[in-house]
Amino acid sequence: MADIPEQWNAIYDHLVGIAASKMAQHVISKLVVAATAYFVWQERNARLFSNKKRSPEKLAEVILTTVRLKLHTCRFKNSVQVHSILHDWKLPRGLLIEDDDCG
């Protein structure tokens, strides 16, 4: 999503366009936006109702850790792009499936 402008309309339009996609980068984009919305909402509620605050850096760390944990439950088809994604997200190669394992 690095090429998407940092505006909600642009992010929304991008997500609508990839909604049905199962490509690894698209799944990760959807997970990151969903986790961000959830944790920003949670942070808002914590600030309003319990006077607790997290720094933006801590909030970003929680979001990325949550997405990384969710990615551990996924299985990815073996490709150069997926190898790059696994490396970038510090995920084990054991998440790869071989082509003959697919249905």
PDB file of N, CA and C in Angstrom:
ATOM      1  N   MET A   1       0.816  -1.194   0.000  1.00  0.00           N
ATOM      2  CA  MET A   1       0.000   0.000   0.000  1.00  0.00           C
ATOM      3  C   MET A   1       0.858   1.255   0.000  1.00  0.00           C
ATOM      4  N   ALA A   2       2.121   1.089  -0.226  1.00  0.00           N
ATOM      5  CA  ALA A   2       3.027   2.239  -0.207  1.00  0.00           C
ATOM      6  C   ALA A   2       2.681   3.255  -1.283  1.00  0.00           C
ATOM      7  N   ASP A   3       2.050   2.800  -2.370  1.00  0.00           N
ATOM      8  CA  ASP A   3       1.709   3.699  -3.477  1.00  0.00           C
ATOM      9  C   ASP A   3       0.364   4.397  -3.295  1.00  0.00           C
ATOM     10  N   ILE A   4      -0.363   4.055  -2.230  1.00  0.00           N
ATOM     11  CA  ILE A   4      -1.692   4.625  -1.996  1.00  0.00           C
ATOM     12  C   ILE A   4      -1.535   5.925  -1.198  1.00  0.00           C
ATOM     13  N   PRO A   5      -2.181   7.008  -1.640  1.00  0.00           N
ATOM     14  CA  PRO A   5      -2.113   8.257  -0.861  1.00  0.00           C
ATOM     15  C   PRO A   5      -2.670   8.049   0.548  1.00  0.00           C
ATOM     16  N   GLU A   6      -2.150   8.778   1.499  1.00  0.00           N
ATOM     17  CA  GLU A   6      -2.568   8.654   2.895  1.00  0.00           C
ATOM     18  C   GLU A   6      -3.856   9.439   3.141  1.00  0.00           C
ATOM     19  N   GLN A   7      -4.895   9.061   2.428  1.00  0.00           N
ATOM     20  CA  GLN A   7      -6.221   9.672   2.572  1.00  0.00           C
ATOM     21  C   GLN A   7      -7.231   8.541   2.644  1.00  0.00           C
ATOM     22  N   TRP A   8      -8.244   8.675   3.529  1.00  0.00           N
ATOM     23  CA  TRP A   8      -9.221   7.598   3.725  1.00  0.00           C
ATOM     24  C   TRP A   8      -9.928   7.223   2.427  1.00  0.00           C
ATOM     25  N   ASN A   9     -10.264   8.200   1.605  1.00  0.00           N
ATOM     26  CA  ASN A   9     -10.956   7.890   0.346  1.00  0.00           C
ATOM     27  C   ASN A   9     -10.091   7.018  -0.562  1.00  0.00           C
ATOM     28  N   ALA A  10      -8.822   7.326  -0.652  1.00  0.00           N
ATOM     29  CA  ALA A  10      -7.914   6.544  -1.492  1.00  0.00           C
ATOM     30  C   ALA A  10      -7.729   5.138  -0.927  1.00  0.00           C
ATOM     31  N   ILE A  11      -7.590   5.030   0.395  1.00  0.00           N
ATOM     32  CA  ILE A  11      -7.433   3.724   1.034  1.00  0.00           C
ATOM     33  C   ILE A  11      -8.698   2.895   0.827  1.00  0.00           C
ATOM     34  N   TYR A  12      -9.848   3.511   1.032  1.00  0.00           N
ATOM     35  CA  TYR A  12     -11.124   2.822   0.837  1.00  0.00           C
ATOM     36  C   TYR A  12     -11.271   2.331  -0.606  1.00  0.00           C
ATOM     37  N   ASP A  13     -11.002   3.192  -1.559  1.00  0.00           N
ATOM     38  CA  ASP A  13     -11.098   2.807  -2.970  1.00  0.00           C
ATOM     39  C   ASP A  13     -10.166   1.640  -3.281  1.00  0.00           C
ATOM     40  N   HIS A  14      -8.972   1.674  -2.737  1.00  0.00           N
ATOM     41  CA  HIS A  14      -8.017   0.588  -2.950  1.00  0.00           C
ATOM     42  C   HIS A  14      -8.552  -0.719  -2.358  1.00  0.00           C
ATOM     43  N   LEU A  15      -9.083  -0.655  -1.138  1.00  0.00           N
ATOM     44  CA  LEU A  15      -9.593  -1.863  -0.483  1.00  0.00           C
ATOM     45  C   LEU A  15     -10.806  -2.438  -1.209  1.00  0.00           C
ATOM     46  N   VAL A  16     -11.665  -1.584  -1.707  1.00  0.00           N
ATOM     47  CA  VAL A  16     -12.815  -2.066  -2.471  1.00  0.00           C
ATOM     48  C   VAL A  16     -12.338  -2.805  -3.717  1.00  0.00           C
ATOM     49  N   GLY A  17     -11.323  -2.291  -4.344  1.00  0.00           N
ATOM     50  CA  GLY A  17     -10.785  -2.911  -5.553  1.00  0.00           C
ATOM     51  C   GLY A  17     -10.117  -4.259  -5.318  1.00  0.00           C
ATOM     52  N   ILE A  18      -9.651  -4.519  -4.096  1.00  0.00           N
ATOM     53  CA  ILE A  18      -8.960  -5.780  -3.802  1.00  0.00           C
ATOM     54  C   ILE A  18      -9.746  -6.663  -2.839  1.00  0.00           C
ATOM     55  N   ALA A  19     -10.994  -6.322  -2.603  1.00  0.00           N
ATOM     56  CA  ALA A  19     -11.786  -7.012  -1.585  1.00  0.00           C
ATOM     57  C   ALA A  19     -11.821  -8.525  -1.754  1.00  0.00           C
ATOM     58  N   ALA A  20     -11.945  -9.001  -2.964  1.00  0.00           N
ATOM     59  CA  ALA A  20     -12.063 -10.442  -3.197  1.00  0.00           C
ATOM     60  C   ALA A  20     -10.710 -11.117  -3.448  1.00  0.00           C
ATOM     61  N   SER A  21      -9.648 -10.343  -3.507  1.00  0.00           N
ATOM     62  CA  SER A  21      -8.331 -10.883  -3.834  1.00  0.00           C
ATOM     63  C   SER A  21      -7.759 -11.715  -2.690  1.00  0.00           C
ATOM     64  N   LYS A  22      -7.074 -12.788  -3.056  1.00  0.00           N
ATOM     65  CA  LYS A  22      -6.387 -13.619  -2.072  1.00  0.00           C
ATOM     66  C   LYS A  22      -4.869 -13.511  -2.202  1.00  0.00           C
ATOM     67  N   MET A  23      -4.413 -12.541  -3.005  1.00  0.00           N
ATOM     68  CA  MET A  23      -2.972 -12.322  -3.122  1.00  0.00           C
ATOM     69  C   MET A  23      -2.422 -11.919  -1.756  1.00  0.00           C
ATOM     70  N   ALA A  24      -1.237 -12.407  -1.426  1.00  0.00           N
ATOM     71  CA  ALA A  24      -0.646 -12.168  -0.108  1.00  0.00           C
ATOM     72  C   ALA A  24      -0.589 -10.685   0.235  1.00  0.00           C
ATOM     73  N   GLN A  25      -0.113  -9.863  -0.695  1.00  0.00           N
ATOM     74  CA  GLN A  25       0.014  -8.433  -0.388  1.00  0.00           C
ATOM     75  C   GLN A  25      -1.351  -7.796  -0.164  1.00  0.00           C
ATOM     76  N   HIS A  26      -2.391  -8.270  -0.836  1.00  0.00           N
ATOM     77  CA  HIS A  26      -3.726  -7.718  -0.649  1.00  0.00           C
ATOM     78  C   HIS A  26      -4.335  -8.160   0.677  1.00  0.00           C
ATOM     79  N   VAL A  27      -4.110  -9.412   1.040  1.00  0.00           N
ATOM     80  CA  VAL A  27      -4.590  -9.906   2.335  1.00  0.00           C
ATOM     81  C   VAL A  27      -3.936  -9.107   3.459  1.00  0.00           C
ATOM     82  N   ILE A  28      -2.647  -8.878   3.343  1.00  0.00           N
ATOM     83  CA  ILE A  28      -1.932  -8.115   4.369  1.00  0.00           C
ATOM     84  C   ILE A  28      -2.442  -6.682   4.429  1.00  0.00           C
ATOM     85  N   SER A  29      -2.696  -6.074   3.284  1.00  0.00           N
ATOM     86  CA  SER A  29      -3.248  -4.710   3.269  1.00  0.00           C
ATOM     87  C   SER A  29      -4.563  -4.651   4.016  1.00  0.00           C
ATOM     88  N   LYS A  30      -5.438  -5.615   3.761  1.00  0.00           N
ATOM     89  CA  LYS A  30      -6.746  -5.649   4.426  1.00  0.00           C
ATOM     90  C   LYS A  30      -6.587  -5.871   5.928  1.00  0.00           C
ATOM     91  N   LEU A  31      -5.662  -6.752   6.317  1.00  0.00           N
ATOM     92  CA  LEU A  31      -5.418  -6.998   7.741  1.00  0.00           C
ATOM     93  C   LEU A  31      -4.882  -5.749   8.446  1.00  0.00           C
ATOM     94  N   VAL A  32      -3.955  -5.053   7.804  1.00  0.00           N
ATOM     95  CA  VAL A  32      -3.366  -3.857   8.416  1.00  0.00           C
ATOM     96  C   VAL A  32      -4.430  -2.774   8.621  1.00  0.00           C
ATOM     97  N   VAL A  33      -5.271  -2.557   7.631  1.00  0.00           N
ATOM     98  CA  VAL A  33      -6.312  -1.528   7.764  1.00  0.00           C
ATOM     99  C   VAL A  33      -7.323  -1.935   8.835  1.00  0.00           C
ATOM    100  N   ALA A  34      -7.723  -3.200   8.857  1.00  0.00           N
ATOM    101  CA  ALA A  34      -8.688  -3.665   9.859  1.00  0.00           C
ATOM    102  C   ALA A  34      -8.109  -3.548  11.273  1.00  0.00           C
ATOM    103  N   ALA A  35      -6.867  -3.978  11.450  1.00  0.00           N
ATOM    104  CA  ALA A  35      -6.234  -3.885  12.770  1.00  0.00           C
ATOM    105  C   ALA A  35      -6.049  -2.431  13.190  1.00  0.00           C
ATOM    106  N   THR A  36      -5.695  -1.591  12.250  1.00  0.00           N
ATOM    107  CA  THR A  36      -5.530  -0.165  12.557  1.00  0.00           C
ATOM    108  C   THR A  36      -6.845   0.445  13.013  1.00  0.00           C
ATOM    109  N   ALA A  37      -7.915   0.176  12.298  1.00  0.00           N
ATOM    110  CA  ALA A  37      -9.225   0.713  12.683  1.00  0.00           C
ATOM    111  C   ALA A  37      -9.609   0.224  14.076  1.00  0.00           C
ATOM    112  N   TYR A  38      -9.402  -1.062  14.335  1.00  0.00           N
ATOM    113  CA  TYR A  38      -9.769  -1.621  15.634  1.00  0.00           C
ATOM    114  C   TYR A  38      -8.973  -0.998  16.768  1.00  0.00           C
ATOM    115  N   PHE A  39      -7.644  -0.934  16.617  1.00  0.00           N
ATOM    116  CA  PHE A  39      -6.821  -0.436  17.718  1.00  0.00           C
ATOM    117  C   PHE A  39      -6.921   1.079  17.894  1.00  0.00           C
ATOM    118  N   VAL A  40      -7.180   1.807  16.838  1.00  0.00           N
ATOM    119  CA  VAL A  40      -7.421   3.254  16.993  1.00  0.00           C
ATOM    120  C   VAL A  40      -8.732   3.462  17.738  1.00  0.00           C
ATOM    121  N   TRP A  41      -9.749   2.674  17.394  1.00  0.00           N
ATOM    122  CA  TRP A  41     -11.033   2.739  18.117  1.00  0.00           C
ATOM    123  C   TRP A  41     -10.831   2.378  19.589  1.00  0.00           C
ATOM    124  N   GLN A  42     -10.064   1.323  19.851  1.00  0.00           N
ATOM    125  CA  GLN A  42      -9.778   0.909  21.230  1.00  0.00           C
ATOM    126  C   GLN A  42      -9.030   2.009  21.983  1.00  0.00           C
ATOM    127  N   GLU A  43      -8.072   2.629  21.323  1.00  0.00           N
ATOM    128  CA  GLU A  43      -7.309   3.718  21.943  1.00  0.00           C
ATOM    129  C   GLU A  43      -8.214   4.907  22.259  1.00  0.00           C
ATOM    130  N   ARG A  44      -9.092   5.235  21.322  1.00  0.00           N
ATOM    131  CA  ARG A  44     -10.052   6.313  21.547  1.00  0.00           C
ATOM    132  C   ARG A  44     -10.894   6.037  22.786  1.00  0.00           C
ATOM    133  N   ASN A  45     -11.408   4.812  22.896  1.00  0.00           N
ATOM    134  CA  ASN A  45     -12.228   4.460  24.055  1.00  0.00           C
ATOM    135  C   ASN A  45     -11.429   4.496  25.353  1.00  0.00           C
ATOM    136  N   ALA A  46     -10.198   4.018  25.317  1.00  0.00           N
ATOM    137  CA  ALA A  46      -9.356   4.042  26.510  1.00  0.00           C
ATOM    138  C   ALA A  46      -9.101   5.474  26.968  1.00  0.00           C
ATOM    139  N   ARG A  47      -8.868   6.366  26.018  1.00  0.00           N
ATOM    140  CA  ARG A  47      -8.617   7.768  26.378  1.00  0.00           C
ATOM    141  C   ARG A  47      -9.869   8.447  26.921  1.00  0.00           C
ATOM    142  N   LEU A  48     -11.014   8.107  26.346  1.00  0.00           N
ATOM    143  CA  LEU A  48     -12.263   8.734  26.787  1.00  0.00           C
ATOM    144  C   LEU A  48     -12.763   8.201  28.123  1.00  0.00           C
ATOM    145  N   PHE A  49     -12.672   6.897  28.316  1.00  0.00           N
ATOM    146  CA  PHE A  49     -13.352   6.283  29.450  1.00  0.00           C
ATOM    147  C   PHE A  49     -12.451   5.841  30.589  1.00  0.00           C
ATOM    148  N   SER A  50     -11.148   5.753  30.371  1.00  0.00           N
ATOM    149  CA  SER A  50     -10.291   5.300  31.463  1.00  0.00           C
ATOM    150  C   SER A  50      -9.001   6.108  31.603  1.00  0.00           C
ATOM    151  N   ASN A  51      -8.885   7.195  30.864  1.00  0.00           N
ATOM    152  CA  ASN A  51      -7.719   8.080  30.974  1.00  0.00           C
ATOM    153  C   ASN A  51      -6.391   7.374  30.733  1.00  0.00           C
ATOM    154  N   LYS A  52      -6.392   6.325  29.923  1.00  0.00           N
ATOM    155  CA  LYS A  52      -5.152   5.630  29.574  1.00  0.00           C
ATOM    156  C   LYS A  52      -4.726   6.069  28.185  1.00  0.00           C
ATOM    157  N   LYS A  53      -3.409   6.177  27.988  1.00  0.00           N
ATOM    158  CA  LYS A  53      -2.883   6.603  26.690  1.00  0.00           C
ATOM    159  C   LYS A  53      -1.680   5.747  26.314  1.00  0.00           C
ATOM    160  N   ARG A  54      -1.586   5.448  25.026  1.00  0.00           N
ATOM    161  CA  ARG A  54      -0.398   4.801  24.478  1.00  0.00           C
ATOM    162  C   ARG A  54       0.218   5.777  23.479  1.00  0.00           C
ATOM    163  N   SER A  55       1.503   5.705  23.345  1.00  0.00           N
ATOM    164  CA  SER A  55       2.180   6.561  22.372  1.00  0.00           C
ATOM    165  C   SER A  55       1.853   6.055  20.964  1.00  0.00           C
ATOM    166  N   PRO A  56       1.961   6.921  19.966  1.00  0.00           N
ATOM    167  CA  PRO A  56       1.746   6.468  18.580  1.00  0.00           C
ATOM    168  C   PRO A  56       2.677   5.313  18.215  1.00  0.00           C
ATOM    169  N   GLU A  57       3.909   5.335  18.717  1.00  0.00           N
ATOM    170  CA  GLU A  57       4.858   4.268  18.428  1.00  0.00           C
ATOM    171  C   GLU A  57       4.393   2.943  19.023  1.00  0.00           C
ATOM    172  N   LYS A  58       3.886   2.989  20.249  1.00  0.00           N
ATOM    173  CA  LYS A  58       3.384   1.773  20.907  1.00  0.00           C
ATOM    174  C   LYS A  58       2.153   1.246  20.180  1.00  0.00           C
ATOM    175  N   LEU A  59       1.271   2.137  19.764  1.00  0.00           N
ATOM    176  CA  LEU A  59       0.076   1.739  19.037  1.00  0.00           C
ATOM    177  C   LEU A  59       0.454   1.078  17.707  1.00  0.00           C
ATOM    178  N   ALA A  60       1.413   1.644  16.999  1.00  0.00           N
ATOM    179  CA  ALA A  60       1.881   1.049  15.741  1.00  0.00           C
ATOM    180  C   ALA A  60       2.491  -0.328  15.996  1.00  0.00           C
ATOM    181  N   GLU A  61       3.236  -0.470  17.078  1.00  0.00           N
ATOM    182  CA  GLU A  61       3.838  -1.760  17.425  1.00  0.00           C
ATOM    183  C   GLU A  61       2.764  -2.810  17.707  1.00  0.00           C
ATOM    184  N   VAL A  62       1.716  -2.423  18.420  1.00  0.00           N
ATOM    185  CA  VAL A  62       0.613  -3.350  18.723  1.00  0.00           C
ATOM    186  C   VAL A  62      -0.077  -3.784  17.430  1.00  0.00           C
ATOM    187  N   ILE A  63      -0.311  -2.848  16.534  1.00  0.00           N
ATOM    188  CA  ILE A  63      -0.967  -3.159  15.254  1.00  0.00           C
ATOM    189  C   ILE A  63      -0.121  -4.137  14.444  1.00  0.00           C
ATOM    190  N   LEU A  64       1.153  -3.834  14.280  1.00  0.00           N
ATOM    191  CA  LEU A  64       2.033  -4.681  13.466  1.00  0.00           C
ATOM    192  C   LEU A  64       2.227  -6.059  14.093  1.00  0.00           C
ATOM    193  N   THR A  65       2.335  -6.118  15.411  1.00  0.00           N
ATOM    194  CA  THR A  65       2.467  -7.410  16.092  1.00  0.00           C
ATOM    195  C   THR A  65       1.213  -8.250  15.908  1.00  0.00           C
ATOM    196  N   THR A  66       0.066  -7.627  15.997  1.00  0.00           N
ATOM    197  CA  THR A  66      -1.195  -8.344  15.812  1.00  0.00           C
ATOM    198  C   THR A  66      -1.305  -8.891  14.396  1.00  0.00           C
ATOM    199  N   VAL A  67      -0.968  -8.081  13.419  1.00  0.00           N
ATOM    200  CA  VAL A  67      -1.013  -8.537  12.024  1.00  0.00           C
ATOM    201  C   VAL A  67      -0.011  -9.677  11.821  1.00  0.00           C
ATOM    202  N   ARG A  68       1.188  -9.523  12.362  1.00  0.00           N
ATOM    203  CA  ARG A  68       2.204 -10.578  12.229  1.00  0.00           C
ATOM    204  C   ARG A  68       1.703 -11.890  12.839  1.00  0.00           C
ATOM    205  N   LEU A  69       1.074 -11.825  13.997  1.00  0.00           N
ATOM    206  CA  LEU A  69       0.533 -13.035  14.629  1.00  0.00           C
ATOM    207  C   LEU A  69      -0.560 -13.664  13.767  1.00  0.00           C
ATOM    208  N   LYS A  70      -1.417 -12.853  13.196  1.00  0.00           N
ATOM    209  CA  LYS A  70      -2.460 -13.375  12.318  1.00  0.00           C
ATOM    210  C   LYS A  70      -1.844 -14.026  11.083  1.00  0.00           C
ATOM    211  N   LEU A  71      -0.792 -13.444  10.548  1.00  0.00           N
ATOM    212  CA  LEU A  71      -0.134 -14.008   9.372  1.00  0.00           C
ATOM    213  C   LEU A  71       0.466 -15.383   9.659  1.00  0.00           C
ATOM    214  N   HIS A  72       0.777 -15.648  10.922  1.00  0.00           N
ATOM    215  CA  HIS A  72       1.284 -16.973  11.292  1.00  0.00           C
ATOM    216  C   HIS A  72       0.233 -18.060  11.096  1.00  0.00           C
ATOM    217  N   THR A  73      -1.026 -17.693  10.972  1.00  0.00           N
ATOM    218  CA  THR A  73      -2.090 -18.681  10.755  1.00  0.00           C
ATOM    219  C   THR A  73      -2.369 -18.893   9.273  1.00  0.00           C
ATOM    220  N   CYS A  74      -1.712 -18.144   8.422  1.00  0.00           N
ATOM    221  CA  CYS A  74      -1.942 -18.224   6.977  1.00  0.00           C
ATOM    222  C   CYS A  74      -0.950 -19.181   6.333  1.00  0.00           C
ATOM    223  N   ARG A  75      -1.308 -19.643   5.158  1.00  0.00           N
ATOM    224  CA  ARG A  75      -0.406 -20.439   4.329  1.00  0.00           C
ATOM    225  C   ARG A  75      -0.270 -19.719   3.004  1.00  0.00           C
ATOM    226  N   PHE A  76       0.955 -19.653   2.487  1.00  0.00           N
ATOM    227  CA  PHE A  76       1.241 -18.879   1.292  1.00  0.00           C
ATOM    228  C   PHE A  76       1.790 -19.770   0.190  1.00  0.00           C
ATOM    229  N   LYS A  77       1.370 -19.493  -1.038  1.00  0.00           N
ATOM    230  CA  LYS A  77       1.936 -20.194  -2.191  1.00  0.00           C
ATOM    231  C   LYS A  77       3.358 -19.705  -2.402  1.00  0.00           C
ATOM    232  N   ASN A  78       4.217 -20.618  -2.789  1.00  0.00           N
ATOM    233  CA  ASN A  78       5.631 -20.332  -2.968  1.00  0.00           C
ATOM    234  C   ASN A  78       5.848 -19.442  -4.196  1.00  0.00           C
ATOM    235  N   SER A  79       6.371 -18.235  -3.986  1.00  0.00           N
ATOM    236  CA  SER A  79       6.709 -17.332  -5.081  1.00  0.00           C
ATOM    237  C   SER A  79       7.772 -16.351  -4.592  1.00  0.00           C
ATOM    238  N   VAL A  80       8.387 -15.670  -5.522  1.00  0.00           N
ATOM    239  CA  VAL A  80       9.409 -14.672  -5.175  1.00  0.00           C
ATOM    240  C   VAL A  80       8.782 -13.564  -4.337  1.00  0.00           C
ATOM    241  N   GLN A  81       7.590 -13.130  -4.739  1.00  0.00           N
ATOM    242  CA  GLN A  81       6.893 -12.073  -4.001  1.00  0.00           C
ATOM    243  C   GLN A  81       6.618 -12.512  -2.560  1.00  0.00           C
ATOM    244  N   VAL A  82       6.167 -13.733  -2.380  1.00  0.00           N
ATOM    245  CA  VAL A  82       5.854 -14.239  -1.036  1.00  0.00           C
ATOM    246  C   VAL A  82       7.124 -14.360  -0.202  1.00  0.00           C
ATOM    247  N   HIS A  83       8.223 -14.786  -0.800  1.00  0.00           N
ATOM    248  CA  HIS A  83       9.492 -14.852  -0.060  1.00  0.00           C
ATOM    249  C   HIS A  83       9.873 -13.465   0.463  1.00  0.00           C
ATOM    250  N   SER A  84       9.673 -12.455  -0.350  1.00  0.00           N
ATOM    251  CA  SER A  84       9.959 -11.084   0.071  1.00  0.00           C
ATOM    252  C   SER A  84       9.045 -10.672   1.233  1.00  0.00           C
ATOM    253  N   ILE A  85       7.772 -11.024   1.137  1.00  0.00           N
ATOM    254  CA  ILE A  85       6.812 -10.696   2.194  1.00  0.00           C
ATOM    255  C   ILE A  85       7.195 -11.406   3.496  1.00  0.00           C
ATOM    256  N   LEU A  86       7.525 -12.695   3.404  1.00  0.00           N
ATOM    257  CA  LEU A  86       7.934 -13.431   4.603  1.00  0.00           C
ATOM    258  C   LEU A  86       9.155 -12.796   5.248  1.00  0.00           C
ATOM    259  N   HIS A  87      10.105 -12.379   4.425  1.00  0.00           N
ATOM    260  CA  HIS A  87      11.308 -11.721   4.945  1.00  0.00           C
ATOM    261  C   HIS A  87      10.959 -10.389   5.606  1.00  0.00           C
ATOM    262  N   ASP A  88      10.162  -9.567   4.919  1.00  0.00           N
ATOM    263  CA  ASP A  88       9.805  -8.240   5.444  1.00  0.00           C
ATOM    264  C   ASP A  88       9.044  -8.329   6.766  1.00  0.00           C
ATOM    265  N   TRP A  89       8.172  -9.329   6.887  1.00  0.00           N
ATOM    266  CA  TRP A  89       7.347  -9.482   8.092  1.00  0.00           C
ATOM    267  C   TRP A  89       7.990 -10.403   9.122  1.00  0.00           C
ATOM    268  N   LYS A  90       9.208 -10.877   8.823  1.00  0.00           N
ATOM    269  CA  LYS A  90       9.941 -11.772   9.741  1.00  0.00           C
ATOM    270  C   LYS A  90       9.107 -13.007  10.077  1.00  0.00           C
ATOM    271  N   LEU A  91       8.580 -13.641   9.013  1.00  0.00           N
ATOM    272  CA  LEU A  91       7.758 -14.836   9.163  1.00  0.00           C
ATOM    273  C   LEU A  91       8.560 -16.067   8.738  1.00  0.00           C
ATOM    274  N   PRO A  92       8.268 -17.220   9.335  1.00  0.00           N
ATOM    275  CA  PRO A  92       9.017 -18.432   8.987  1.00  0.00           C
ATOM    276  C   PRO A  92       8.651 -18.973   7.609  1.00  0.00           C
ATOM    277  N   ARG A  93       9.603 -19.615   6.966  1.00  0.00           N
ATOM    278  CA  ARG A  93       9.366 -20.200   5.647  1.00  0.00           C
ATOM    279  C   ARG A  93       8.419 -21.391   5.731  1.00  0.00           C
ATOM    280  N   GLY A  94       8.176 -21.882   6.926  1.00  0.00           N
ATOM    281  CA  GLY A  94       7.255 -22.989   7.117  1.00  0.00           C
ATOM    282  C   GLY A  94       5.812 -22.643   6.752  1.00  0.00           C
ATOM    283  N   LEU A  95       5.531 -21.363   6.517  1.00  0.00           N
ATOM    284  CA  LEU A  95       4.182 -20.938   6.120  1.00  0.00           C
ATOM    285  C   LEU A  95       3.932 -21.154   4.632  1.00  0.00           C
ATOM    286  N   LEU A  96       4.979 -21.557   3.909  1.00  0.00           N
ATOM    287  CA  LEU A  96       4.840 -21.802   2.460  1.00  0.00           C
ATOM    288  C   LEU A  96       4.204 -23.169   2.225  1.00  0.00           C
ATOM    289  N   ILE A  97       3.374 -23.226   1.198  1.00  0.00           N
ATOM    290  CA  ILE A  97       2.835 -24.505   0.759  1.00  0.00           C
ATOM    291  C   ILE A  97       3.368 -24.793  -0.630  1.00  0.00           C
ATOM    292  N   GLU A  98       3.536 -26.028  -0.946  1.00  0.00           N
ATOM    293  CA  GLU A  98       3.980 -26.419  -2.275  1.00  0.00           C
ATOM    294  C   GLU A  98       2.774 -26.447  -3.204  1.00  0.00           C
ATOM    295  N   ASP A  99       3.003 -26.233  -4.496  1.00  0.00           N
ATOM    296  CA  ASP A  99       1.920 -26.205  -5.470  1.00  0.00           C
ATOM    297  C   ASP A  99       1.108 -27.486  -5.468  1.00  0.00           C
ATOM    298  N   ASP A 100       1.757 -28.635  -5.266  1.00  0.00           N
ATOM    299  CA  ASP A 100       1.030 -29.899  -5.286  1.00  0.00           C
ATOM    300  C   ASP A 100       0.213 -30.119  -4.019  1.00  0.00           C
ATOM    301  N   ASP A 101       0.407 -29.281  -2.986  1.00  0.00           N
ATOM    302  CA  ASP A 101      -0.408 -29.349  -1.770  1.00  0.00           C
ATOM    303  C   ASP A 101      -1.755 -28.680  -1.962  1.00  0.00           C
ATOM    304  N   CYS A 102      -1.848 -27.836  -2.987  1.00  0.00           N
ATOM    305  CA  CYS A 102      -3.084 -27.090  -3.236  1.00  0.00           C
ATOM    306  C   CYS A 102      -4.043 -27.957  -4.029  1.00  0.00           C
ATOM    307  N   GLY A 103      -5.333 -27.813  -3.697  1.00  0.00           N
ATOM    308  CA  GLY A 103      -6.376 -28.552  -4.208  1.00  0.00           C
ATOM    309  C   GLY A 103      -6.690 -28.879  -5.538  1.00  0.00           C
TER     310      GLY A 103
END
